[in-house]
N, C-alpha and C. Protein backbone atom coordinates (compact mmCIF):
# COMPACT_ATOMS: atom_id res chain seq x y z
N MET A 1 -93.06 266.65 189.13
CA MET A 1 -93.84 265.47 188.86
C MET A 1 -93.39 264.85 187.69
N ARG A 2 -93.35 263.36 187.81
CA ARG A 2 -93.01 262.73 186.65
C ARG A 2 -94.18 262.67 185.57
N LYS A 3 -93.88 262.93 183.87
CA LYS A 3 -94.95 262.66 183.16
C LYS A 3 -95.50 261.43 183.23
N PRO A 4 -96.72 261.21 182.68
CA PRO A 4 -97.20 259.74 182.55
C PRO A 4 -96.41 259.04 181.30
N CYS A 5 -96.37 257.65 181.16
CA CYS A 5 -95.79 257.32 180.05
C CYS A 5 -96.90 257.41 178.82
N CYS A 6 -97.96 257.69 179.10
CA CYS A 6 -98.88 257.34 177.95
C CYS A 6 -100.19 258.17 178.30
N ASP A 7 -101.15 258.30 177.36
CA ASP A 7 -102.53 258.70 177.52
C ASP A 7 -103.42 257.66 177.99
N LYS A 8 -103.89 257.77 179.09
CA LYS A 8 -104.78 256.42 179.80
C LYS A 8 -105.85 256.31 179.02
N GLU A 9 -106.48 257.47 178.33
CA GLU A 9 -107.83 256.95 177.69
C GLU A 9 -107.13 256.65 176.15
N GLY A 10 -108.26 255.71 176.05
CA GLY A 10 -108.27 254.90 174.88
C GLY A 10 -107.36 253.85 174.72
N THR A 11 -106.68 253.34 176.14
CA THR A 11 -106.08 252.31 176.03
C THR A 11 -106.63 251.13 176.35
N ASN A 12 -106.46 249.90 176.13
CA ASN A 12 -107.02 248.48 176.59
C ASN A 12 -106.24 248.47 178.05
N LYS A 13 -107.06 247.89 178.85
CA LYS A 13 -106.62 247.39 180.30
C LYS A 13 -107.04 246.09 180.75
N GLY A 14 -107.65 245.54 179.85
CA GLY A 14 -107.71 244.04 180.08
C GLY A 14 -106.74 243.10 179.80
N ALA A 15 -107.28 242.03 180.04
CA ALA A 15 -106.28 240.74 179.78
C ALA A 15 -105.61 240.85 178.23
N TRP A 16 -104.44 240.19 178.03
CA TRP A 16 -103.87 240.35 176.74
C TRP A 16 -104.27 239.14 175.90
N SER A 17 -104.55 239.76 174.50
CA SER A 17 -104.81 238.37 173.70
C SER A 17 -103.83 238.00 173.07
N LYS A 18 -103.80 236.93 172.33
CA LYS A 18 -102.54 236.04 171.61
C LYS A 18 -102.35 236.87 170.35
N GLN A 19 -103.21 237.87 169.69
CA GLN A 19 -102.57 238.74 168.91
C GLN A 19 -101.92 239.74 169.18
N GLU A 20 -102.38 240.34 170.61
CA GLU A 20 -101.33 241.34 170.97
C GLU A 20 -100.11 240.93 171.53
N ASP A 21 -100.16 239.57 171.95
CA ASP A 21 -98.96 239.17 172.25
C ASP A 21 -97.77 238.86 171.32
N GLN A 22 -98.36 238.57 170.00
CA GLN A 22 -97.56 237.96 168.90
C GLN A 22 -97.25 239.62 168.42
N LYS A 23 -98.17 240.39 168.50
CA LYS A 23 -97.37 241.75 167.88
C LYS A 23 -96.42 242.37 168.91
N LEU A 24 -96.36 241.97 169.92
CA LEU A 24 -95.30 242.77 170.66
C LEU A 24 -93.97 241.67 170.68
N ILE A 25 -94.34 240.48 170.35
CA ILE A 25 -93.19 239.40 170.30
C ILE A 25 -92.49 239.98 168.98
N ASP A 26 -92.98 239.82 167.63
CA ASP A 26 -92.75 240.32 166.34
C ASP A 26 -91.82 241.63 166.61
N TYR A 27 -92.43 242.69 167.13
CA TYR A 27 -91.68 244.05 167.20
C TYR A 27 -90.59 244.07 167.87
N ILE A 28 -90.41 243.21 169.08
CA ILE A 28 -88.89 243.49 169.88
C ILE A 28 -88.07 242.35 169.11
N ARG A 29 -88.37 241.20 168.33
CA ARG A 29 -87.29 240.70 167.55
C ARG A 29 -86.85 241.46 166.41
N THR A 30 -87.63 242.30 166.06
CA THR A 30 -86.91 242.88 164.97
C THR A 30 -86.69 244.16 164.91
N HIS A 31 -87.11 245.03 166.28
CA HIS A 31 -86.56 246.21 166.52
C HIS A 31 -85.64 246.37 167.91
N GLY A 32 -86.02 245.33 168.90
CA GLY A 32 -85.47 245.46 169.97
C GLY A 32 -86.44 246.31 171.16
N GLU A 33 -85.98 246.10 172.33
CA GLU A 33 -86.83 246.65 173.53
C GLU A 33 -87.14 248.26 173.26
N GLY A 34 -85.87 249.12 173.18
CA GLY A 34 -86.00 250.29 172.76
C GLY A 34 -86.83 251.09 173.96
N CYS A 35 -87.27 252.07 173.40
CA CYS A 35 -88.00 253.16 174.52
C CYS A 35 -89.92 252.46 174.62
N TRP A 36 -89.88 252.12 175.88
CA TRP A 36 -91.17 251.76 176.26
C TRP A 36 -92.15 252.53 175.83
N ARG A 37 -92.16 253.86 175.98
CA ARG A 37 -92.99 255.11 175.96
C ARG A 37 -93.53 254.88 174.58
N SER A 38 -92.78 254.75 173.42
CA SER A 38 -92.94 254.71 172.09
C SER A 38 -93.10 253.50 171.75
N LEU A 39 -93.06 252.32 172.32
CA LEU A 39 -93.17 251.06 171.68
C LEU A 39 -94.61 250.76 171.35
N PRO A 40 -95.79 251.21 172.26
CA PRO A 40 -96.98 250.51 171.89
C PRO A 40 -97.54 251.43 170.58
N LYS A 41 -97.14 252.40 170.39
CA LYS A 41 -97.50 253.03 169.11
C LYS A 41 -97.02 252.49 168.01
N ALA A 42 -95.55 252.36 168.00
CA ALA A 42 -94.77 251.64 166.80
C ALA A 42 -95.51 250.19 166.86
N ALA A 43 -95.62 249.28 167.63
CA ALA A 43 -96.13 248.30 167.39
C ALA A 43 -97.54 248.02 167.02
N GLY A 44 -98.49 248.94 167.16
CA GLY A 44 -99.71 248.85 166.41
C GLY A 44 -100.62 248.41 167.95
N LEU A 45 -100.09 248.59 169.18
CA LEU A 45 -101.03 248.25 170.55
C LEU A 45 -101.55 249.19 170.89
N ASP A 46 -102.85 249.24 171.50
CA ASP A 46 -103.75 250.06 172.34
C ASP A 46 -103.25 249.62 173.76
N ARG A 47 -102.00 249.97 174.14
CA ARG A 47 -101.58 249.48 175.40
C ARG A 47 -100.60 250.68 175.83
N CYS A 48 -100.48 250.69 176.97
CA CYS A 48 -99.63 251.51 177.99
C CYS A 48 -98.15 250.96 177.91
N GLY A 49 -97.20 251.69 177.87
CA GLY A 49 -96.04 251.29 177.78
C GLY A 49 -95.57 250.53 178.78
N LYS A 50 -95.86 250.92 180.14
CA LYS A 50 -95.56 249.93 181.22
C LYS A 50 -96.08 248.74 181.25
N SER A 51 -97.39 248.50 180.74
CA SER A 51 -98.15 247.26 180.66
C SER A 51 -97.08 246.35 179.53
N CYS A 52 -96.84 246.99 178.44
CA CYS A 52 -95.97 246.25 177.51
C CYS A 52 -94.80 245.72 178.04
N ARG A 53 -94.31 246.56 178.86
CA ARG A 53 -92.72 246.39 179.64
C ARG A 53 -93.15 244.99 180.20
N LEU A 54 -94.05 245.02 181.12
CA LEU A 54 -94.32 243.90 182.15
C LEU A 54 -94.66 242.70 181.45
N ARG A 55 -95.31 242.86 180.45
CA ARG A 55 -95.78 241.65 179.78
C ARG A 55 -94.74 240.73 178.98
N TRP A 56 -93.68 241.71 178.82
CA TRP A 56 -92.44 241.03 177.83
C TRP A 56 -91.51 240.35 178.91
N ILE A 57 -91.26 241.17 179.96
CA ILE A 57 -90.22 240.83 180.97
C ILE A 57 -90.92 239.25 181.76
N ASN A 58 -92.21 239.54 181.97
CA ASN A 58 -92.55 238.57 183.03
C ASN A 58 -93.03 237.58 182.55
N TYR A 59 -93.59 237.20 181.05
CA TYR A 59 -94.43 236.41 180.26
C TYR A 59 -94.02 235.98 179.05
N LEU A 60 -93.54 237.01 178.09
CA LEU A 60 -93.06 236.74 176.87
C LEU A 60 -91.36 236.77 176.68
N ARG A 61 -91.00 237.17 177.38
CA ARG A 61 -88.95 236.71 177.14
C ARG A 61 -88.89 235.70 176.98
N PRO A 62 -88.03 235.12 175.87
CA PRO A 62 -87.71 233.89 175.32
C PRO A 62 -87.03 232.95 176.58
N ASP A 63 -86.19 233.68 177.09
CA ASP A 63 -85.62 233.19 178.31
C ASP A 63 -85.73 232.86 179.92
N ILE A 64 -87.27 232.88 179.58
CA ILE A 64 -87.81 232.70 180.78
C ILE A 64 -87.92 231.46 181.41
N LYS A 65 -87.39 230.98 182.78
CA LYS A 65 -87.29 229.76 183.16
C LYS A 65 -88.74 229.43 183.74
N ARG A 66 -89.32 228.47 183.17
CA ARG A 66 -90.68 227.84 183.80
C ARG A 66 -90.42 226.91 184.69
N GLY A 67 -91.42 226.50 185.55
CA GLY A 67 -91.24 225.63 186.41
C GLY A 67 -90.83 225.71 187.96
N ASN A 68 -91.02 224.87 188.86
CA ASN A 68 -90.87 225.06 190.13
C ASN A 68 -89.34 225.77 190.46
N PHE A 69 -89.42 226.33 191.60
CA PHE A 69 -87.98 226.64 192.17
C PHE A 69 -87.15 225.63 192.60
N GLY A 70 -86.05 225.39 192.50
CA GLY A 70 -84.87 224.44 192.93
C GLY A 70 -84.55 224.85 194.31
N GLN A 71 -84.18 223.87 194.99
CA GLN A 71 -83.40 224.19 196.48
C GLN A 71 -82.35 225.14 196.37
N ASP A 72 -81.39 225.11 195.33
CA ASP A 72 -80.41 226.16 195.30
C ASP A 72 -80.74 227.40 195.04
N GLU A 73 -81.95 227.41 194.15
CA GLU A 73 -82.67 228.90 194.00
C GLU A 73 -83.19 229.27 194.96
N GLU A 74 -83.53 228.56 195.92
CA GLU A 74 -84.32 228.92 197.18
C GLU A 74 -83.59 229.18 198.35
N ASP A 75 -82.40 228.61 198.25
CA ASP A 75 -81.11 229.15 199.40
C ASP A 75 -80.81 230.59 198.75
N LEU A 76 -80.23 230.70 197.67
CA LEU A 76 -80.02 231.93 196.67
C LEU A 76 -80.73 233.06 197.17
N ILE A 77 -82.22 232.58 196.95
CA ILE A 77 -83.11 234.04 197.07
C ILE A 77 -83.11 234.60 198.81
N ILE A 78 -83.06 233.59 199.67
CA ILE A 78 -82.84 233.53 201.23
C ILE A 78 -81.53 234.49 201.39
N LYS A 79 -80.29 234.21 201.01
CA LYS A 79 -79.14 234.83 201.01
C LYS A 79 -79.13 236.34 200.75
N LEU A 80 -79.63 236.44 199.20
CA LEU A 80 -80.04 237.62 198.64
C LEU A 80 -80.60 238.47 199.28
N HIS A 81 -82.00 238.27 199.73
CA HIS A 81 -82.82 238.86 200.31
C HIS A 81 -82.07 239.42 201.76
N ALA A 82 -81.47 238.41 202.41
CA ALA A 82 -80.85 238.99 203.56
C ALA A 82 -79.82 240.09 203.36
N LEU A 83 -79.17 240.37 202.10
CA LEU A 83 -78.46 241.51 201.94
C LEU A 83 -79.02 242.59 201.24
N LEU A 84 -80.01 242.39 200.54
CA LEU A 84 -80.50 243.33 199.63
C LEU A 84 -82.12 243.73 200.07
N GLY A 85 -82.42 242.84 200.90
CA GLY A 85 -84.20 243.51 201.05
C GLY A 85 -85.03 242.82 200.12
N ASN A 86 -86.04 243.90 199.95
CA ASN A 86 -87.02 243.69 199.29
C ASN A 86 -86.64 244.30 197.56
N ARG A 87 -85.69 243.96 197.21
CA ARG A 87 -85.23 244.68 196.08
C ARG A 87 -85.07 243.38 194.84
N TRP A 88 -86.41 243.20 194.12
CA TRP A 88 -86.84 242.06 193.57
C TRP A 88 -85.91 242.04 192.18
N SER A 89 -85.80 243.26 191.77
CA SER A 89 -84.96 243.18 190.45
C SER A 89 -83.68 242.69 190.63
N LEU A 90 -83.04 243.28 191.50
CA LEU A 90 -81.85 242.75 191.83
C LEU A 90 -81.58 241.30 191.96
N ILE A 91 -82.40 240.95 193.01
CA ILE A 91 -82.51 239.51 193.39
C ILE A 91 -82.64 238.60 191.96
N ALA A 92 -83.76 239.18 191.34
CA ALA A 92 -84.03 238.11 190.21
C ALA A 92 -82.70 238.23 189.06
N GLY A 93 -82.06 239.40 189.00
CA GLY A 93 -80.76 239.49 188.20
C GLY A 93 -79.67 238.37 188.48
N ARG A 94 -79.83 237.96 189.60
CA ARG A 94 -78.83 236.72 190.17
C ARG A 94 -79.37 235.31 189.61
N LEU A 95 -80.81 235.31 189.21
CA LEU A 95 -81.09 234.06 189.14
C LEU A 95 -81.68 234.13 187.43
N PRO A 96 -80.77 233.36 186.56
CA PRO A 96 -81.04 233.36 185.19
C PRO A 96 -82.56 232.70 184.91
N GLY A 97 -83.22 233.36 184.11
CA GLY A 97 -84.38 233.13 183.72
C GLY A 97 -85.65 233.13 184.56
N ARG A 98 -85.41 233.94 185.79
CA ARG A 98 -86.35 234.31 186.55
C ARG A 98 -86.73 235.77 186.61
N THR A 99 -87.98 236.09 186.78
CA THR A 99 -88.51 237.43 186.73
C THR A 99 -88.66 238.25 188.24
N ASP A 100 -88.68 239.33 188.19
CA ASP A 100 -88.73 239.67 189.59
C ASP A 100 -90.27 239.52 190.21
N ASN A 101 -91.14 239.68 189.53
CA ASN A 101 -92.46 239.31 189.68
C ASN A 101 -92.61 238.06 190.43
N GLU A 102 -91.69 237.03 189.71
CA GLU A 102 -91.98 235.59 190.00
C GLU A 102 -91.08 235.39 191.18
N VAL A 103 -90.29 235.72 191.41
CA VAL A 103 -89.44 235.78 192.59
C VAL A 103 -90.13 236.19 193.70
N LYS A 104 -90.66 237.54 193.63
CA LYS A 104 -91.63 238.23 194.90
C LYS A 104 -92.75 237.65 195.01
N ASN A 105 -93.39 236.75 194.23
CA ASN A 105 -94.67 235.75 194.45
C ASN A 105 -94.21 234.59 194.95
N TYR A 106 -92.94 233.95 194.69
CA TYR A 106 -92.32 232.84 195.37
C TYR A 106 -92.07 233.17 196.75
N TRP A 107 -91.69 234.42 196.80
CA TRP A 107 -91.05 234.88 198.54
C TRP A 107 -92.16 234.72 199.24
N ASN A 108 -93.46 235.58 198.85
CA ASN A 108 -94.48 235.91 199.63
C ASN A 108 -95.37 234.76 199.69
N SER A 109 -95.34 233.55 199.21
CA SER A 109 -96.21 232.58 199.07
C SER A 109 -95.52 231.28 199.64
N HIS A 110 -94.49 231.16 199.50
CA HIS A 110 -93.67 230.06 200.03
C HIS A 110 -92.59 230.38 201.09
N ILE A 111 -91.44 231.01 200.57
CA ILE A 111 -90.06 231.20 201.80
C ILE A 111 -90.40 231.96 202.86
N ARG A 112 -91.43 232.91 202.66
CA ARG A 112 -91.60 233.58 203.86
C ARG A 112 -92.52 232.94 204.96
N ARG A 113 -93.35 231.96 204.73
CA ARG A 113 -94.05 231.18 205.61
C ARG A 113 -93.01 230.06 206.17
N LYS A 114 -92.33 229.74 205.13
CA LYS A 114 -91.16 228.47 205.78
C LYS A 114 -90.34 229.09 206.85
N LEU A 115 -89.90 230.21 206.64
CA LEU A 115 -89.06 230.90 207.57
C LEU A 115 -89.74 231.21 208.88
N ILE A 116 -90.97 231.78 208.80
CA ILE A 116 -91.67 231.80 210.26
C ILE A 116 -92.00 230.86 211.00
N SER A 117 -92.51 229.67 210.07
CA SER A 117 -92.71 228.15 211.16
C SER A 117 -91.31 227.63 211.51
N MET A 118 -89.99 228.30 210.92
CA MET A 118 -88.80 227.89 211.48
C MET A 118 -88.42 228.63 212.81
N GLY A 119 -89.50 229.78 213.02
CA GLY A 119 -89.07 230.94 214.23
C GLY A 119 -87.89 231.80 213.65
N ILE A 120 -87.98 232.25 212.44
CA ILE A 120 -86.91 232.96 212.01
C ILE A 120 -87.73 234.36 211.45
N ASP A 121 -87.48 235.59 211.84
CA ASP A 121 -88.17 236.53 211.57
C ASP A 121 -87.73 236.97 209.76
N PRO A 122 -88.65 237.06 209.01
CA PRO A 122 -88.46 237.18 207.44
C PRO A 122 -87.73 238.46 207.21
N LYS A 123 -87.91 239.42 207.84
CA LYS A 123 -87.50 240.80 207.74
C LYS A 123 -85.92 241.06 208.00
N ASN A 124 -85.75 240.51 209.10
CA ASN A 124 -84.09 240.57 209.45
C ASN A 124 -83.31 239.02 209.81
N HIS A 125 -84.14 238.22 209.25
CA HIS A 125 -83.42 236.78 209.17
C HIS A 125 -83.01 236.14 210.33
N ARG A 126 -83.11 236.85 211.81
CA ARG A 126 -82.86 236.57 212.94
C ARG A 126 -83.87 235.68 213.59
N LEU A 127 -83.50 234.71 214.57
CA LEU A 127 -84.38 234.02 215.52
C LEU A 127 -85.09 234.74 216.21
N ASN A 128 -86.29 234.43 216.49
CA ASN A 128 -87.06 235.19 217.29
C ASN A 128 -87.25 234.59 218.88
N GLN A 129 -87.17 235.63 219.61
CA GLN A 129 -86.98 234.93 220.90
C GLN A 129 -88.01 234.98 221.79
N ILE A 130 -88.75 233.96 221.96
CA ILE A 130 -90.06 233.59 222.70
C ILE A 130 -89.69 233.16 223.68
N PRO A 131 -90.68 233.70 224.57
CA PRO A 131 -90.15 233.26 226.30
C PRO A 131 -91.15 231.86 226.13
N LEU A 132 -90.53 231.00 226.92
CA LEU A 132 -91.31 229.74 227.03
C LEU A 132 -92.29 229.62 228.02
N ARG A 133 -93.55 229.27 227.60
CA ARG A 133 -94.69 229.06 228.49
C ARG A 133 -94.40 228.01 229.66
N PRO A 134 -94.50 228.22 230.98
CA PRO A 134 -94.60 227.03 232.09
C PRO A 134 -95.65 226.11 231.63
N GLN A 135 -95.17 225.04 231.70
CA GLN A 135 -95.89 223.57 231.52
C GLN A 135 -97.01 223.66 232.85
N PRO A 136 -98.22 223.57 232.32
CA PRO A 136 -99.09 223.47 233.67
C PRO A 136 -98.90 222.10 234.54
N LYS A 137 -99.36 222.31 235.72
CA LYS A 137 -98.97 221.31 236.70
C LYS A 137 -100.33 220.45 236.86
N SER A 138 -100.27 219.33 237.41
CA SER A 138 -101.26 218.74 237.74
C SER A 138 -101.49 218.79 239.10
N VAL A 139 -102.91 218.51 239.73
CA VAL A 139 -103.37 218.68 240.96
C VAL A 139 -102.49 218.37 241.91
N SER A 140 -102.23 217.54 242.13
CA SER A 140 -101.28 216.94 243.11
C SER A 140 -100.07 217.54 243.33
N GLU A 141 -99.18 217.72 242.06
CA GLU A 141 -98.13 218.45 241.93
C GLU A 141 -98.32 219.83 242.63
N ALA A 142 -99.36 220.44 242.11
CA ALA A 142 -99.80 221.94 242.83
C ALA A 142 -100.07 221.78 244.15
N ALA A 143 -100.75 220.83 244.69
CA ALA A 143 -101.10 220.61 246.01
C ALA A 143 -99.59 220.25 246.98
N THR A 144 -98.79 219.57 246.51
CA THR A 144 -97.52 219.32 247.01
C THR A 144 -96.55 220.65 246.82
N SER A 145 -96.31 221.43 245.85
CA SER A 145 -95.64 222.42 245.80
C SER A 145 -96.44 223.75 246.79
N SER A 146 -97.37 223.71 247.01
CA SER A 146 -97.93 224.75 247.88
C SER A 146 -97.65 224.55 249.58
N SER A 147 -98.03 223.15 249.71
CA SER A 147 -97.62 222.69 251.05
C SER A 147 -96.09 222.94 251.34
N GLU A 148 -95.05 222.52 250.46
CA GLU A 148 -93.73 222.89 250.45
C GLU A 148 -93.44 224.13 251.01
N SER A 149 -94.06 225.50 250.17
CA SER A 149 -93.91 226.64 250.06
C SER A 149 -94.51 226.96 251.43
N MET A 150 -95.47 226.53 252.11
CA MET A 150 -96.33 227.00 253.42
C MET A 150 -95.15 226.39 254.36
N ASN A 151 -94.87 225.29 254.53
CA ASN A 151 -93.93 224.82 255.22
C ASN A 151 -92.41 225.51 255.33
N HIS A 152 -92.07 225.86 254.10
CA HIS A 152 -90.68 226.74 254.25
C HIS A 152 -91.09 228.17 254.81
N GLU A 153 -92.24 228.84 254.52
CA GLU A 153 -92.67 229.88 255.01
C GLU A 153 -92.99 229.85 256.59
N SER A 154 -93.07 228.74 257.05
CA SER A 154 -93.71 228.64 258.50
C SER A 154 -92.26 228.51 259.53
N LYS A 155 -91.44 228.10 258.88
CA LYS A 155 -90.20 227.69 259.54
C LYS A 155 -89.44 228.98 260.07
N PRO A 156 -89.11 229.34 261.52
CA PRO A 156 -88.43 230.62 261.82
C PRO A 156 -86.89 230.70 261.22
N LEU A 157 -86.47 231.87 260.77
CA LEU A 157 -85.13 231.71 260.17
C LEU A 157 -84.39 232.32 261.32
N ILE A 158 -83.39 231.52 261.71
CA ILE A 158 -82.24 231.58 262.91
C ILE A 158 -80.94 232.43 262.24
N SER A 159 -80.76 233.25 262.53
CA SER A 159 -79.46 233.89 261.90
C SER A 159 -78.41 233.87 263.06
N LEU A 160 -77.16 233.00 262.35
CA LEU A 160 -76.10 232.70 263.04
C LEU A 160 -74.98 233.46 262.39
N GLY A 161 -73.86 233.59 263.35
CA GLY A 161 -72.83 234.32 262.99
C GLY A 161 -71.86 233.80 261.98
N ASN A 162 -70.97 234.48 261.25
CA ASN A 162 -70.18 233.56 260.20
C ASN A 162 -69.52 232.60 261.03
N THR A 163 -68.99 232.90 262.48
CA THR A 163 -68.25 231.92 263.26
C THR A 163 -69.04 230.99 263.76
N ASP A 164 -70.47 230.79 263.77
CA ASP A 164 -71.31 229.88 264.43
C ASP A 164 -71.86 229.10 263.60
N ARG A 165 -71.59 229.08 261.92
CA ARG A 165 -72.55 228.10 261.72
C ARG A 165 -72.21 226.77 261.77
N VAL A 166 -73.22 226.02 261.41
CA VAL A 166 -73.21 224.54 261.81
C VAL A 166 -73.37 223.80 260.22
N SER A 167 -72.29 222.98 260.13
CA SER A 167 -72.44 222.37 258.92
C SER A 167 -73.51 221.26 258.81
N ASP A 168 -73.75 221.20 257.45
CA ASP A 168 -75.05 220.04 257.23
C ASP A 168 -74.53 218.66 257.91
N ALA A 169 -73.37 218.34 257.80
CA ALA A 169 -73.12 216.99 258.48
C ALA A 169 -73.29 216.84 259.96
N ALA A 170 -72.94 217.86 260.74
CA ALA A 170 -72.86 217.90 261.98
C ALA A 170 -74.49 217.77 262.31
N SER A 171 -75.11 218.77 261.74
CA SER A 171 -76.67 218.88 262.19
C SER A 171 -77.23 217.51 261.63
N SER A 172 -76.81 216.84 260.85
CA SER A 172 -77.67 215.41 260.24
C SER A 172 -77.27 214.31 261.54
N LEU A 173 -76.10 214.32 261.73
CA LEU A 173 -75.37 213.70 262.75
C LEU A 173 -75.97 213.76 264.37
N GLU A 174 -76.34 215.01 264.26
CA GLU A 174 -77.02 215.36 265.69
C GLU A 174 -78.61 214.79 265.56
N ASP A 175 -79.15 214.95 264.36
CA ASP A 175 -80.36 214.48 264.29
C ASP A 175 -80.62 213.03 264.42
N GLU A 176 -79.79 212.28 263.88
CA GLU A 176 -79.65 211.02 264.16
C GLU A 176 -79.34 210.43 265.55
N MET A 177 -78.49 211.34 265.95
CA MET A 177 -78.30 210.80 267.61
C MET A 177 -79.48 211.05 268.45
N CYS A 178 -80.37 212.06 268.16
CA CYS A 178 -81.71 212.53 269.07
C CYS A 178 -82.58 211.52 268.68
N GLY A 179 -82.60 211.09 267.40
CA GLY A 179 -83.62 210.02 267.13
C GLY A 179 -83.58 208.49 267.54
N SER A 180 -82.14 208.06 267.73
CA SER A 180 -81.69 207.04 268.23
C SER A 180 -81.76 206.83 269.82
N LEU A 181 -81.73 207.97 270.73
CA LEU A 181 -81.66 207.84 272.36
C LEU A 181 -83.06 207.55 272.61
N ASP A 182 -83.34 206.63 273.71
CA ASP A 182 -84.87 206.26 274.30
C ASP A 182 -84.55 206.59 275.51
N LEU A 183 -85.50 207.72 275.84
CA LEU A 183 -85.31 208.55 277.25
C LEU A 183 -86.32 207.98 277.75
N ASN A 184 -85.90 207.51 279.36
CA ASN A 184 -86.94 207.14 280.14
C ASN A 184 -87.03 207.98 281.18
N LEU A 185 -88.42 208.51 281.01
CA LEU A 185 -88.79 209.75 281.92
C LEU A 185 -89.44 209.34 283.32
N ASP A 186 -89.66 208.03 283.66
CA ASP A 186 -90.17 207.61 284.98
C ASP A 186 -89.21 207.89 285.92
N LEU A 187 -89.74 208.66 287.04
CA LEU A 187 -88.91 209.34 288.17
C LEU A 187 -89.15 208.61 289.33
N THR A 188 -88.10 208.09 290.03
CA THR A 188 -87.89 207.47 291.25
C THR A 188 -87.14 208.20 292.37
N ILE A 189 -87.95 208.31 293.72
CA ILE A 189 -86.98 209.28 294.43
C ILE A 189 -86.91 207.86 295.54
N ALA A 190 -85.30 208.32 295.88
CA ALA A 190 -84.39 207.48 296.86
C ALA A 190 -84.02 208.21 297.67
N PHE A 191 -84.46 207.88 299.12
CA PHE A 191 -83.79 208.61 300.34
C PHE A 191 -82.47 208.23 300.43
N PRO A 192 -81.47 208.68 301.06
CA PRO A 192 -80.01 208.19 301.30
C PRO A 192 -80.28 207.23 302.63
N SER A 193 -79.74 206.07 303.00
CA SER A 193 -79.67 205.28 303.78
C SER A 193 -78.71 205.84 304.88
N PRO A 194 -78.99 205.89 306.13
CA PRO A 194 -78.08 206.33 307.57
C PRO A 194 -76.88 205.32 307.50
N PRO A 195 -75.97 206.01 308.23
CA PRO A 195 -75.17 205.23 308.60
C PRO A 195 -74.97 204.37 309.38
N VAL A 196 -74.25 202.93 309.41
CA VAL A 196 -74.61 201.99 310.40
C VAL A 196 -74.37 202.32 311.76
N ALA A 197 -73.36 203.08 312.35
CA ALA A 197 -73.06 203.72 313.91
C ALA A 197 -74.09 204.51 314.24
N LEU A 198 -74.88 204.99 313.25
CA LEU A 198 -75.93 205.91 313.50
C LEU A 198 -77.00 205.00 314.24
N VAL A 199 -77.62 204.22 313.19
CA VAL A 199 -78.38 202.91 313.45
C VAL A 199 -78.19 202.32 314.46
N GLU A 200 -76.80 201.89 315.08
CA GLU A 200 -76.76 201.12 316.49
C GLU A 200 -76.92 202.08 317.47
N GLU A 201 -76.63 203.25 317.21
CA GLU A 201 -76.79 204.05 318.45
C GLU A 201 -78.22 204.43 318.84
N LYS A 202 -78.93 204.42 317.72
CA LYS A 202 -80.39 204.59 317.77
C LYS A 202 -81.02 203.28 318.77
N ARG A 203 -80.49 202.10 318.31
CA ARG A 203 -80.98 200.88 318.82
C ARG A 203 -80.52 200.97 320.18
N GLN A 204 -79.32 201.25 320.80
CA GLN A 204 -79.16 201.29 322.21
C GLN A 204 -80.03 202.17 322.92
N SER A 205 -80.18 203.28 322.11
CA SER A 205 -80.68 204.34 323.09
C SER A 205 -82.48 203.79 323.34
N SER A 206 -82.82 203.29 322.14
CA SER A 206 -84.20 202.63 322.25
C SER A 206 -84.34 201.53 323.34
N LYS A 207 -83.05 200.45 323.41
CA LYS A 207 -83.20 199.66 324.48
C LYS A 207 -83.24 200.27 325.88
N THR A 208 -82.38 201.47 326.00
CA THR A 208 -82.15 201.97 327.62
C THR A 208 -83.21 202.57 327.95
N SER A 209 -84.10 203.28 326.92
CA SER A 209 -85.41 203.98 327.38
C SER A 209 -86.33 202.89 328.06
N THR A 210 -86.26 201.39 327.17
CA THR A 210 -87.30 200.57 327.28
C THR A 210 -86.95 199.91 329.07
N ARG A 211 -85.96 199.78 329.04
CA ARG A 211 -85.61 199.39 330.50
C ARG A 211 -85.91 200.30 331.55
N ALA A 212 -85.61 201.63 331.31
CA ALA A 212 -86.01 202.40 332.38
C ALA A 212 -87.46 202.42 332.71
N GLU A 213 -88.18 202.24 331.35
CA GLU A 213 -89.57 202.44 331.76
C GLU A 213 -90.43 201.32 332.44
N GLN A 214 -89.51 199.85 332.10
CA GLN A 214 -89.91 198.93 332.95
C GLN A 214 -89.60 198.81 334.40
N MET A 215 -88.39 199.47 334.78
CA MET A 215 -88.08 199.27 336.28
C MET A 215 -89.05 200.62 336.92
N GLU A 216 -89.47 201.80 336.23
CA GLU A 216 -90.15 202.57 336.98
C GLU A 216 -91.62 201.68 337.22
N SER A 217 -92.14 200.88 336.23
CA SER A 217 -93.33 200.25 336.41
C SER A 217 -93.07 198.98 337.47
N ASP A 218 -92.08 198.55 337.69
CA ASP A 218 -91.98 197.63 338.91
C ASP A 218 -92.00 198.14 340.22
N GLN A 219 -91.31 199.45 340.47
CA GLN A 219 -91.25 200.13 341.72
C GLN A 219 -93.15 200.24 342.29
N PRO A 220 -93.09 199.84 343.77
CA PRO A 220 -94.13 200.14 344.41
C PRO A 220 -94.80 201.40 344.30
N VAL A 221 -96.16 201.58 344.23
CA VAL A 221 -96.69 202.87 344.48
C VAL A 221 -96.69 203.31 345.65
N PRO A 222 -96.33 204.47 346.36
CA PRO A 222 -96.29 204.69 347.98
C PRO A 222 -97.99 205.11 348.18
N THR A 223 -98.13 204.63 349.53
CA THR A 223 -99.49 204.50 349.85
C THR A 223 -99.42 206.02 350.83
N LEU A 224 -100.27 206.85 350.66
CA LEU A 224 -100.55 207.97 351.60
C LEU A 224 -101.57 207.62 352.61
N PHE A 225 -101.06 207.99 353.70
CA PHE A 225 -102.04 208.12 355.33
C PHE A 225 -102.33 209.24 355.46
N LEU A 226 -103.80 209.42 355.56
CA LEU A 226 -104.16 210.91 356.19
C LEU A 226 -104.50 210.73 357.73
N PHE A 227 -103.89 211.47 358.55
CA PHE A 227 -104.23 211.24 359.92
C PHE A 227 -105.27 212.52 360.23
């Protein structure tokens, strides 16, 4: 187990005052950073060594760059984060005048949200594959699609062989021909006319029978005498 940097009892944990900041600045300018464990006692500060280190690196260091991040710095942070991940001290080391705490805060408050809004995963810097939602249809379109689906299902499926398939052009031509024909369904019955010779023969026979009947009618009726 690692030994704590200092005794927590009797140390100030509140905000830093101007007097404490000046003591820390004067000591480091004279003696350098040195060992942070022994620095608070040597500088006359009732502070923890870790607190002195963070105060100096993040706020009191003279080469700290103040102000907003530029576009070139933002692009560099994105590239370095894609390579190094959340190793903020290494990323800040490539940005002169920027602290690791400042870089981390700027990433969480600005860059991370910007990448999410662009559809990029801030963890692996890859595009999120979100399936597109189908657009809602209007009532008329929904009714049309449902009727088309019902008509499609109601049609019987005729399976033709590979050699018996009819092309679309032939089927369309056949439909046009069927539609253009006007069929007359009125039925008439016509009997065949007899030949002329047969008609003449019937006429002669009818005349002969008529003459014979007339001759029979002209003969006197025999009278019968009874004795």
